[in-house]
């Protein structure tokens, strides 16, 4: 059975293990594969978030957070992110965390949920949200060449931006009417 509970400092080593394994290939999240433990735990478990862990037999196999997507007038919209220990894929952990987080967001008073970035190659996440009732409503695609052109107008440092020659950025709009949540996810190929 999968148990979900609030995370605390005693869980940080396990949370870091999950984060490190998930981001190390650079194909499912926008975090740099060489992000530090401190940087990632400060982000994932920050004061602005409700952080949770998923356990099977008292072993942490997943983690997620829920937070305000934006302050002020955007604080009624939840933002969330999820990671599952790769060795525990296929056990229903993502589905359990997703279902729990939708109900928890409602319990916390949110009226909608929005994901700002979902990496296109994170097909497991896209399938999960579709399984939970979300539908892709549209996609806007830009090529890496356009991004390189835009870069000449944006104050971005080459040290902070990594391009792949086959990179494509897309925008997917997903909605789940039966749970009254709308999700907009920016997808990066």
N, C-alpha and C. Protein backbone atom coordinates (compact mmCIF):
# COMPACT_ATOMS: atom_id res chain seq x y z
N UNK A 1 0.83 -1.18 0.00
CA UNK A 1 0.00 0.00 0.00
C UNK A 1 0.88 1.25 0.00
N UNK A 2 0.47 2.25 -0.74
CA UNK A 2 1.20 3.51 -0.82
C UNK A 2 0.64 4.46 0.21
N UNK A 3 1.51 4.97 1.07
CA UNK A 3 1.13 5.94 2.09
C UNK A 3 1.71 7.29 1.71
N UNK A 4 0.90 8.34 1.78
CA UNK A 4 1.36 9.70 1.50
C UNK A 4 1.26 10.51 2.78
N UNK A 5 2.32 11.24 3.07
CA UNK A 5 2.35 12.08 4.28
C UNK A 5 3.15 13.35 4.01
N UNK A 6 3.00 14.32 4.90
CA UNK A 6 3.80 15.54 4.81
C UNK A 6 5.27 15.19 5.00
N UNK A 7 6.12 15.86 4.25
CA UNK A 7 7.57 15.65 4.36
C UNK A 7 8.16 16.58 5.40
N UNK A 8 9.26 16.14 5.97
CA UNK A 8 9.99 16.96 6.94
C UNK A 8 11.48 16.78 6.73
N UNK A 9 12.28 17.50 7.52
CA UNK A 9 13.74 17.43 7.36
C UNK A 9 14.30 16.01 7.43
N UNK A 10 13.68 15.13 8.19
CA UNK A 10 14.17 13.74 8.28
C UNK A 10 14.08 13.01 6.95
N UNK A 11 13.29 13.55 6.02
CA UNK A 11 13.07 12.92 4.72
C UNK A 11 14.00 13.46 3.63
N UNK A 12 14.78 14.48 3.93
CA UNK A 12 15.54 15.18 2.90
C UNK A 12 16.54 14.29 2.16
N UNK A 13 17.18 13.36 2.85
CA UNK A 13 18.12 12.47 2.15
C UNK A 13 17.40 11.64 1.10
N UNK A 14 16.25 11.10 1.45
CA UNK A 14 15.48 10.30 0.49
C UNK A 14 14.94 11.15 -0.64
N UNK A 15 14.47 12.34 -0.31
CA UNK A 15 13.96 13.25 -1.35
C UNK A 15 15.09 13.60 -2.31
N UNK A 16 16.27 13.91 -1.76
CA UNK A 16 17.40 14.23 -2.62
C UNK A 16 17.76 13.06 -3.52
N UNK A 17 17.75 11.84 -2.99
CA UNK A 17 18.06 10.67 -3.80
C UNK A 17 17.11 10.59 -5.00
N UNK A 18 15.83 10.81 -4.77
CA UNK A 18 14.85 10.77 -5.86
C UNK A 18 15.12 11.88 -6.86
N UNK A 19 15.26 13.10 -6.36
CA UNK A 19 15.50 14.24 -7.25
C UNK A 19 16.75 14.01 -8.10
N UNK A 20 17.83 13.60 -7.45
CA UNK A 20 19.10 13.41 -8.15
C UNK A 20 18.95 12.36 -9.26
N UNK A 21 18.32 11.24 -8.95
CA UNK A 21 18.14 10.20 -9.97
C UNK A 21 17.25 10.67 -11.11
N UNK A 22 16.21 11.42 -10.80
CA UNK A 22 15.27 11.85 -11.83
C UNK A 22 15.89 12.90 -12.76
N UNK A 23 16.63 13.86 -12.21
CA UNK A 23 17.14 14.94 -13.06
C UNK A 23 18.48 14.62 -13.70
N UNK A 24 19.12 13.53 -13.31
CA UNK A 24 20.49 13.25 -13.77
C UNK A 24 20.62 13.09 -15.28
N UNK A 25 19.56 12.66 -15.97
CA UNK A 25 19.62 12.49 -17.42
C UNK A 25 19.21 13.75 -18.17
N UNK A 26 18.57 14.69 -17.50
CA UNK A 26 18.17 15.93 -18.15
C UNK A 26 17.05 15.79 -19.15
N UNK A 27 16.22 14.74 -19.03
CA UNK A 27 15.19 14.54 -20.04
C UNK A 27 13.76 14.58 -19.51
N UNK A 28 13.58 14.86 -18.21
CA UNK A 28 12.22 14.91 -17.68
C UNK A 28 11.89 16.20 -16.93
N UNK A 29 12.87 16.97 -16.56
CA UNK A 29 12.66 18.23 -15.86
C UNK A 29 13.60 19.28 -16.42
N UNK A 30 13.32 20.53 -16.10
CA UNK A 30 14.16 21.62 -16.58
C UNK A 30 15.35 21.90 -15.67
N UNK A 31 15.47 21.17 -14.58
CA UNK A 31 16.59 21.36 -13.67
C UNK A 31 17.87 20.83 -14.31
N UNK A 32 18.96 21.55 -14.09
CA UNK A 32 20.25 21.11 -14.61
C UNK A 32 20.62 19.78 -13.96
N UNK A 33 21.11 18.83 -14.74
CA UNK A 33 21.48 17.53 -14.17
C UNK A 33 22.53 17.62 -13.06
N UNK A 34 23.33 18.67 -13.07
CA UNK A 34 24.36 18.82 -12.03
C UNK A 34 23.93 19.75 -10.90
N UNK A 35 22.62 19.98 -10.76
CA UNK A 35 22.12 20.81 -9.66
C UNK A 35 22.57 20.22 -8.32
N UNK A 36 22.88 21.10 -7.37
CA UNK A 36 23.37 20.63 -6.07
C UNK A 36 22.22 20.20 -5.16
N UNK A 37 22.56 19.40 -4.19
CA UNK A 37 21.60 18.93 -3.18
C UNK A 37 20.95 20.13 -2.49
N UNK A 38 21.76 21.07 -2.05
CA UNK A 38 21.24 22.23 -1.34
C UNK A 38 20.29 23.03 -2.22
N UNK A 39 20.70 23.29 -3.45
CA UNK A 39 19.87 24.06 -4.39
C UNK A 39 18.52 23.38 -4.60
N UNK A 40 18.53 22.09 -4.83
CA UNK A 40 17.30 21.37 -5.13
C UNK A 40 16.40 21.22 -3.91
N UNK A 41 16.97 20.93 -2.74
CA UNK A 41 16.14 20.80 -1.55
C UNK A 41 15.57 22.15 -1.14
N UNK A 42 16.35 23.23 -1.31
CA UNK A 42 15.82 24.57 -1.02
C UNK A 42 14.62 24.87 -1.92
N UNK A 43 14.72 24.45 -3.18
CA UNK A 43 13.61 24.67 -4.10
C UNK A 43 12.44 23.75 -3.76
N UNK A 44 12.68 22.44 -3.70
CA UNK A 44 11.61 21.44 -3.57
C UNK A 44 10.88 21.53 -2.24
N UNK A 45 11.62 21.80 -1.18
CA UNK A 45 11.05 21.78 0.17
C UNK A 45 10.96 23.19 0.77
N UNK A 46 10.94 24.20 -0.07
CA UNK A 46 10.93 25.58 0.38
C UNK A 46 9.72 25.94 1.23
N UNK A 47 9.85 27.03 1.97
CA UNK A 47 8.79 27.49 2.86
C UNK A 47 7.49 27.80 2.13
N UNK A 48 7.57 28.07 0.84
CA UNK A 48 6.38 28.42 0.06
C UNK A 48 5.62 27.19 -0.43
N UNK A 49 6.03 26.00 -0.02
CA UNK A 49 5.45 24.77 -0.55
C UNK A 49 4.91 23.87 0.54
N UNK A 50 3.93 23.08 0.18
CA UNK A 50 3.47 21.95 0.98
C UNK A 50 4.13 20.74 0.33
N UNK A 51 5.10 20.14 1.02
CA UNK A 51 5.89 19.05 0.44
C UNK A 51 5.44 17.73 1.06
N UNK A 52 5.37 16.70 0.22
CA UNK A 52 4.87 15.39 0.63
C UNK A 52 5.82 14.30 0.15
N UNK A 53 5.72 13.15 0.80
CA UNK A 53 6.43 11.96 0.34
C UNK A 53 5.43 10.82 0.23
N UNK A 54 5.73 9.90 -0.68
CA UNK A 54 4.96 8.67 -0.84
C UNK A 54 5.85 7.52 -0.38
N UNK A 55 5.30 6.65 0.43
CA UNK A 55 6.07 5.53 0.98
C UNK A 55 5.40 4.19 0.65
N UNK A 56 6.22 3.20 0.46
CA UNK A 56 5.78 1.81 0.42
C UNK A 56 6.60 1.09 1.48
N UNK A 57 5.93 0.49 2.45
CA UNK A 57 6.59 -0.21 3.55
C UNK A 57 7.66 0.66 4.20
N UNK A 58 7.29 1.91 4.49
CA UNK A 58 8.15 2.89 5.17
C UNK A 58 9.39 3.30 4.38
N UNK A 59 9.42 3.01 3.09
CA UNK A 59 10.52 3.46 2.22
C UNK A 59 9.97 4.53 1.30
N UNK A 60 10.64 5.68 1.26
CA UNK A 60 10.18 6.80 0.43
C UNK A 60 10.48 6.49 -1.03
N UNK A 61 9.42 6.48 -1.84
CA UNK A 61 9.54 6.13 -3.26
C UNK A 61 9.04 7.24 -4.17
N UNK A 62 8.53 8.31 -3.59
CA UNK A 62 8.05 9.43 -4.39
C UNK A 62 7.95 10.68 -3.56
N UNK A 63 7.90 11.81 -4.24
CA UNK A 63 7.76 13.09 -3.55
C UNK A 63 7.07 14.08 -4.48
N UNK A 64 6.35 15.01 -3.90
CA UNK A 64 5.73 16.07 -4.67
C UNK A 64 5.48 17.26 -3.76
N UNK A 65 5.22 18.39 -4.40
CA UNK A 65 4.83 19.57 -3.63
C UNK A 65 3.64 20.23 -4.29
N UNK A 66 2.93 21.02 -3.48
CA UNK A 66 1.83 21.86 -3.93
C UNK A 66 2.13 23.26 -3.41
N UNK A 67 1.95 24.25 -4.25
CA UNK A 67 2.19 25.63 -3.83
C UNK A 67 1.31 26.57 -4.64
N UNK A 68 1.24 27.84 -4.20
CA UNK A 68 0.57 28.85 -5.00
C UNK A 68 1.32 28.99 -6.32
N UNK A 69 0.60 29.02 -7.42
CA UNK A 69 1.27 29.22 -8.70
C UNK A 69 1.88 30.61 -8.78
N UNK A 70 1.17 31.60 -8.29
CA UNK A 70 1.65 32.98 -8.21
C UNK A 70 1.09 33.61 -6.95
N UNK A 71 1.74 34.63 -6.42
CA UNK A 71 1.20 35.31 -5.25
C UNK A 71 0.02 36.20 -5.63
N UNK A 72 -0.66 36.70 -4.62
CA UNK A 72 -1.73 37.67 -4.85
C UNK A 72 -2.90 37.09 -5.61
N UNK A 73 -3.21 37.70 -6.75
CA UNK A 73 -4.39 37.31 -7.51
C UNK A 73 -4.26 35.92 -8.15
N UNK A 74 -3.07 35.35 -8.15
CA UNK A 74 -2.88 34.00 -8.68
C UNK A 74 -2.79 32.94 -7.60
N UNK A 75 -3.00 33.31 -6.34
CA UNK A 75 -2.80 32.37 -5.24
C UNK A 75 -3.92 31.34 -5.11
N UNK A 76 -4.99 31.49 -5.86
CA UNK A 76 -6.06 30.48 -5.82
C UNK A 76 -5.77 29.32 -6.78
N UNK A 77 -4.69 29.44 -7.56
CA UNK A 77 -4.29 28.41 -8.50
C UNK A 77 -3.08 27.67 -7.92
N UNK A 78 -3.21 26.37 -7.81
CA UNK A 78 -2.11 25.56 -7.29
C UNK A 78 -1.12 25.22 -8.41
N UNK A 79 0.12 25.10 -8.03
CA UNK A 79 1.17 24.57 -8.89
C UNK A 79 1.72 23.35 -8.16
N UNK A 80 2.16 22.36 -8.89
CA UNK A 80 2.67 21.15 -8.25
C UNK A 80 3.75 20.53 -9.13
N UNK A 81 4.58 19.71 -8.51
CA UNK A 81 5.60 18.94 -9.24
C UNK A 81 5.76 17.61 -8.52
N UNK A 82 6.11 16.59 -9.29
CA UNK A 82 6.13 15.21 -8.79
C UNK A 82 7.38 14.50 -9.27
N UNK A 83 7.92 13.64 -8.42
CA UNK A 83 9.02 12.76 -8.82
C UNK A 83 8.86 11.42 -8.13
N UNK A 84 9.14 10.37 -8.90
CA UNK A 84 9.08 9.00 -8.38
C UNK A 84 10.47 8.38 -8.53
N UNK A 85 10.88 7.65 -7.53
CA UNK A 85 12.14 6.92 -7.59
C UNK A 85 12.11 6.01 -8.81
N UNK A 86 13.06 6.16 -9.75
CA UNK A 86 13.01 5.36 -10.98
C UNK A 86 12.91 3.85 -10.75
N UNK A 87 13.53 3.33 -9.71
CA UNK A 87 13.45 1.89 -9.45
C UNK A 87 12.06 1.46 -8.98
N UNK A 88 11.19 2.42 -8.70
CA UNK A 88 9.83 2.11 -8.24
C UNK A 88 8.77 2.40 -9.30
N UNK A 89 9.21 2.72 -10.53
CA UNK A 89 8.24 2.95 -11.61
C UNK A 89 7.34 1.73 -11.78
N UNK A 90 6.10 1.99 -12.19
CA UNK A 90 5.18 0.90 -12.50
C UNK A 90 4.41 0.37 -11.31
N UNK A 91 4.53 1.02 -10.16
CA UNK A 91 3.84 0.55 -8.95
C UNK A 91 2.63 1.42 -8.59
N UNK A 92 2.28 2.36 -9.47
CA UNK A 92 1.12 3.21 -9.20
C UNK A 92 1.41 4.41 -8.32
N UNK A 93 2.68 4.69 -8.09
CA UNK A 93 3.05 5.79 -7.20
C UNK A 93 2.66 7.13 -7.80
N UNK A 94 2.96 7.34 -9.08
CA UNK A 94 2.60 8.60 -9.73
C UNK A 94 1.10 8.82 -9.73
N UNK A 95 0.33 7.80 -10.05
CA UNK A 95 -1.13 7.92 -10.04
C UNK A 95 -1.64 8.26 -8.64
N UNK A 96 -1.11 7.57 -7.64
CA UNK A 96 -1.54 7.82 -6.26
C UNK A 96 -1.20 9.25 -5.84
N UNK A 97 0.03 9.71 -6.16
CA UNK A 97 0.40 11.08 -5.81
C UNK A 97 -0.47 12.08 -6.56
N UNK A 98 -0.73 11.82 -7.86
CA UNK A 98 -1.55 12.73 -8.65
C UNK A 98 -2.95 12.84 -8.10
N UNK A 99 -3.59 11.72 -7.82
CA UNK A 99 -4.95 11.73 -7.27
C UNK A 99 -4.98 12.41 -5.90
N UNK A 100 -4.00 12.08 -5.05
CA UNK A 100 -3.93 12.69 -3.72
C UNK A 100 -3.77 14.20 -3.84
N UNK A 101 -2.87 14.63 -4.74
CA UNK A 101 -2.58 16.07 -4.83
C UNK A 101 -3.78 16.87 -5.33
N UNK A 102 -4.57 16.29 -6.22
CA UNK A 102 -5.77 16.99 -6.70
C UNK A 102 -6.73 17.20 -5.54
N UNK A 103 -6.95 16.15 -4.75
CA UNK A 103 -7.83 16.27 -3.59
C UNK A 103 -7.24 17.19 -2.53
N UNK A 104 -5.94 17.10 -2.33
CA UNK A 104 -5.27 17.95 -1.34
C UNK A 104 -5.33 19.42 -1.75
N UNK A 105 -5.14 19.68 -3.04
CA UNK A 105 -5.24 21.07 -3.52
C UNK A 105 -6.63 21.63 -3.24
N UNK A 106 -7.65 20.84 -3.48
CA UNK A 106 -9.02 21.27 -3.16
C UNK A 106 -9.15 21.52 -1.66
N UNK A 107 -8.64 20.59 -0.84
CA UNK A 107 -8.72 20.73 0.62
C UNK A 107 -8.00 22.00 1.09
N UNK A 108 -6.89 22.33 0.43
CA UNK A 108 -6.12 23.53 0.80
C UNK A 108 -6.78 24.82 0.29
N UNK A 109 -7.86 24.68 -0.47
CA UNK A 109 -8.62 25.85 -0.91
C UNK A 109 -8.33 26.33 -2.32
N UNK A 110 -7.53 25.60 -3.06
CA UNK A 110 -7.24 25.99 -4.44
C UNK A 110 -8.46 25.71 -5.32
N UNK A 111 -8.63 26.54 -6.36
CA UNK A 111 -9.75 26.36 -7.28
C UNK A 111 -9.30 25.85 -8.64
N UNK A 112 -8.01 25.78 -8.86
CA UNK A 112 -7.47 25.27 -10.12
C UNK A 112 -6.04 24.79 -9.86
N UNK A 113 -5.49 24.07 -10.82
CA UNK A 113 -4.11 23.61 -10.72
C UNK A 113 -3.44 23.82 -12.07
N UNK A 114 -2.24 24.35 -12.05
CA UNK A 114 -1.52 24.66 -13.29
C UNK A 114 -0.09 24.18 -13.18
N UNK A 115 0.37 23.50 -14.24
CA UNK A 115 1.76 23.08 -14.32
C UNK A 115 2.44 23.97 -15.33
N UNK A 116 3.45 24.70 -14.93
CA UNK A 116 4.09 25.67 -15.80
C UNK A 116 5.00 25.04 -16.83
N UNK A 117 5.67 23.95 -16.48
CA UNK A 117 6.59 23.31 -17.41
C UNK A 117 6.50 21.80 -17.24
N UNK A 118 6.21 21.11 -18.34
CA UNK A 118 6.31 19.65 -18.40
C UNK A 118 7.18 19.35 -19.60
N UNK A 119 8.28 18.67 -19.38
CA UNK A 119 9.20 18.37 -20.46
C UNK A 119 8.56 17.33 -21.38
N UNK A 120 8.57 17.61 -22.68
CA UNK A 120 7.89 16.77 -23.66
C UNK A 120 8.35 15.32 -23.62
N UNK A 121 9.62 15.08 -23.33
CA UNK A 121 10.11 13.71 -23.27
C UNK A 121 9.68 13.00 -21.99
N UNK A 122 9.03 13.70 -21.08
CA UNK A 122 8.50 13.09 -19.87
C UNK A 122 7.12 12.50 -20.19
N UNK A 123 7.14 11.52 -21.08
CA UNK A 123 5.90 10.93 -21.57
C UNK A 123 5.11 10.25 -20.48
N UNK A 124 5.79 9.73 -19.46
CA UNK A 124 5.08 9.10 -18.34
C UNK A 124 4.17 10.10 -17.67
N UNK A 125 4.66 11.33 -17.45
CA UNK A 125 3.84 12.36 -16.80
C UNK A 125 2.65 12.75 -17.67
N UNK A 126 2.88 12.91 -18.96
CA UNK A 126 1.80 13.28 -19.86
C UNK A 126 0.73 12.19 -19.88
N UNK A 127 1.15 10.93 -19.96
CA UNK A 127 0.17 9.82 -19.93
C UNK A 127 -0.58 9.79 -18.60
N UNK A 128 0.12 10.06 -17.49
CA UNK A 128 -0.52 10.06 -16.19
C UNK A 128 -1.64 11.09 -16.13
N UNK A 129 -1.34 12.32 -16.55
CA UNK A 129 -2.37 13.36 -16.47
C UNK A 129 -3.53 13.04 -17.39
N UNK A 130 -3.26 12.45 -18.53
CA UNK A 130 -4.36 12.04 -19.40
C UNK A 130 -5.18 10.94 -18.72
N UNK A 131 -4.52 10.02 -18.05
CA UNK A 131 -5.21 8.96 -17.33
C UNK A 131 -6.10 9.53 -16.23
N UNK A 132 -5.65 10.62 -15.61
CA UNK A 132 -6.43 11.25 -14.54
C UNK A 132 -7.51 12.18 -15.08
N UNK A 133 -7.70 12.18 -16.41
CA UNK A 133 -8.81 12.92 -16.99
C UNK A 133 -8.45 14.20 -17.70
N UNK A 134 -7.19 14.56 -17.75
CA UNK A 134 -6.77 15.76 -18.45
C UNK A 134 -6.65 15.47 -19.94
N UNK A 135 -7.01 16.44 -20.76
CA UNK A 135 -6.92 16.29 -22.20
C UNK A 135 -6.02 17.37 -22.77
N UNK A 136 -5.23 17.01 -23.75
CA UNK A 136 -4.42 18.00 -24.45
C UNK A 136 -5.35 18.78 -25.37
N UNK A 137 -5.41 20.07 -25.16
CA UNK A 137 -6.33 20.92 -25.92
C UNK A 137 -5.64 21.64 -27.07
N UNK A 138 -4.32 21.72 -27.05
CA UNK A 138 -3.60 22.39 -28.13
C UNK A 138 -2.11 22.36 -27.88
N UNK A 139 -1.36 22.61 -28.94
CA UNK A 139 0.09 22.65 -28.81
C UNK A 139 0.65 23.68 -29.76
N UNK A 140 1.55 24.48 -29.24
CA UNK A 140 2.27 25.47 -30.04
C UNK A 140 3.73 25.03 -30.03
N UNK A 141 4.35 24.98 -31.20
CA UNK A 141 5.71 24.46 -31.31
C UNK A 141 6.63 25.54 -31.89
N UNK A 142 7.82 25.66 -31.29
CA UNK A 142 8.87 26.56 -31.81
C UNK A 142 10.14 25.74 -31.95
N UNK A 143 10.91 26.00 -32.96
CA UNK A 143 12.16 25.26 -33.15
C UNK A 143 13.30 25.90 -32.37
N UNK A 144 14.36 25.15 -32.19
CA UNK A 144 15.54 25.65 -31.50
C UNK A 144 16.15 26.83 -32.24
N UNK A 145 16.03 26.85 -33.57
CA UNK A 145 16.56 27.97 -34.33
C UNK A 145 15.89 29.27 -33.90
N UNK A 146 14.57 29.23 -33.74
CA UNK A 146 13.85 30.41 -33.28
C UNK A 146 14.32 30.80 -31.88
N UNK A 147 14.54 29.80 -31.02
CA UNK A 147 15.05 30.10 -29.68
C UNK A 147 16.41 30.78 -29.73
N UNK A 148 17.27 30.31 -30.62
CA UNK A 148 18.58 30.94 -30.75
C UNK A 148 18.46 32.38 -31.24
N UNK A 149 17.53 32.62 -32.14
CA UNK A 149 17.28 33.99 -32.60
C UNK A 149 16.74 34.85 -31.47
N UNK A 150 15.81 34.31 -30.70
CA UNK A 150 15.26 35.04 -29.57
C UNK A 150 16.33 35.33 -28.53
N UNK A 151 17.27 34.41 -28.39
CA UNK A 151 18.33 34.57 -27.41
C UNK A 151 19.14 35.84 -27.66
N UNK A 152 19.24 36.25 -28.92
CA UNK A 152 20.00 37.46 -29.21
C UNK A 152 19.28 38.71 -28.68
N UNK A 153 17.99 38.58 -28.38
CA UNK A 153 17.23 39.71 -27.85
C UNK A 153 17.00 39.60 -26.35
N UNK A 154 17.31 38.46 -25.77
CA UNK A 154 17.05 38.23 -24.35
C UNK A 154 18.36 38.24 -23.57
N UNK A 155 18.34 38.76 -22.35
CA UNK A 155 19.56 38.78 -21.54
C UNK A 155 19.83 37.43 -20.88
N UNK A 156 20.10 36.41 -21.70
CA UNK A 156 20.40 35.09 -21.18
C UNK A 156 21.88 34.79 -21.34
N UNK A 157 22.44 34.19 -20.33
CA UNK A 157 23.84 33.81 -20.39
C UNK A 157 23.97 32.42 -20.99
N UNK A 158 24.94 32.19 -21.88
CA UNK A 158 25.15 30.84 -22.42
C UNK A 158 25.43 29.82 -21.32
N UNK A 159 25.94 30.28 -20.17
CA UNK A 159 26.19 29.37 -19.07
C UNK A 159 24.90 28.86 -18.45
N UNK A 160 23.81 29.63 -18.59
CA UNK A 160 22.55 29.28 -17.97
C UNK A 160 21.57 28.62 -18.93
N UNK A 161 21.86 28.62 -20.21
CA UNK A 161 20.95 28.06 -21.20
C UNK A 161 21.70 27.01 -22.01
N UNK A 162 21.12 25.84 -22.10
CA UNK A 162 21.72 24.77 -22.89
C UNK A 162 20.79 24.44 -24.04
N UNK A 163 21.30 24.44 -25.26
CA UNK A 163 20.50 24.16 -26.45
C UNK A 163 20.90 22.82 -27.03
N UNK A 164 19.93 22.12 -27.57
CA UNK A 164 20.20 20.93 -28.38
C UNK A 164 19.77 21.28 -29.78
N UNK A 165 20.48 20.78 -30.76
CA UNK A 165 20.14 21.13 -32.14
C UNK A 165 18.76 20.63 -32.53
N UNK A 166 18.26 19.60 -31.85
CA UNK A 166 16.93 19.09 -32.18
C UNK A 166 15.87 19.55 -31.19
N UNK A 167 16.20 20.54 -30.36
CA UNK A 167 15.26 20.98 -29.33
C UNK A 167 14.06 21.68 -29.94
N UNK A 168 12.94 21.40 -29.36
CA UNK A 168 11.69 22.05 -29.76
C UNK A 168 10.94 22.38 -28.48
N UNK A 169 10.33 23.54 -28.46
CA UNK A 169 9.51 23.89 -27.32
C UNK A 169 8.07 23.88 -27.78
N UNK A 170 7.20 23.30 -26.97
CA UNK A 170 5.78 23.26 -27.29
C UNK A 170 4.97 23.69 -26.09
N UNK A 171 3.73 24.03 -26.34
CA UNK A 171 2.80 24.42 -25.29
C UNK A 171 1.59 23.52 -25.41
N UNK A 172 1.30 22.78 -24.38
CA UNK A 172 0.11 21.94 -24.37
C UNK A 172 -0.86 22.52 -23.36
N UNK A 173 -2.12 22.52 -23.69
CA UNK A 173 -3.16 22.95 -22.78
C UNK A 173 -3.98 21.71 -22.45
N UNK A 174 -4.05 21.37 -21.18
CA UNK A 174 -4.78 20.19 -20.74
C UNK A 174 -5.88 20.63 -19.79
N UNK A 175 -7.01 19.94 -19.82
CA UNK A 175 -8.11 20.26 -18.92
C UNK A 175 -8.77 18.99 -18.44
N UNK A 176 -9.29 19.04 -17.25
CA UNK A 176 -10.02 17.90 -16.70
C UNK A 176 -11.33 18.44 -16.14
N UNK A 177 -12.38 18.35 -16.91
CA UNK A 177 -13.66 18.92 -16.52
C UNK A 177 -14.26 18.23 -15.30
N UNK A 178 -14.12 16.93 -15.19
CA UNK A 178 -14.79 16.23 -14.10
C UNK A 178 -14.22 16.58 -12.73
N UNK A 179 -13.04 17.16 -12.68
CA UNK A 179 -12.50 17.56 -11.39
C UNK A 179 -12.38 19.08 -11.28
N UNK A 180 -12.88 19.78 -12.26
CA UNK A 180 -12.93 21.23 -12.25
C UNK A 180 -11.56 21.88 -12.09
N UNK A 181 -10.57 21.28 -12.69
CA UNK A 181 -9.23 21.84 -12.67
C UNK A 181 -8.78 22.03 -14.11
N UNK A 182 -8.09 23.11 -14.37
CA UNK A 182 -7.51 23.34 -15.68
C UNK A 182 -6.01 23.34 -15.53
N UNK A 183 -5.33 22.68 -16.42
CA UNK A 183 -3.88 22.60 -16.37
C UNK A 183 -3.32 23.14 -17.68
N UNK A 184 -2.40 24.04 -17.59
CA UNK A 184 -1.66 24.51 -18.75
C UNK A 184 -0.23 24.05 -18.53
N UNK A 185 0.29 23.28 -19.45
CA UNK A 185 1.65 22.80 -19.26
C UNK A 185 2.50 23.20 -20.46
N UNK A 186 3.60 23.84 -20.16
CA UNK A 186 4.55 24.20 -21.19
C UNK A 186 5.45 23.00 -21.39
N UNK A 187 5.53 22.51 -22.59
CA UNK A 187 6.24 21.28 -22.89
C UNK A 187 7.51 21.59 -23.65
N UNK A 188 8.63 21.05 -23.20
CA UNK A 188 9.89 21.22 -23.87
C UNK A 188 10.34 19.86 -24.39
N UNK A 189 10.58 19.77 -25.68
CA UNK A 189 11.04 18.51 -26.28
C UNK A 189 12.48 18.31 -25.93
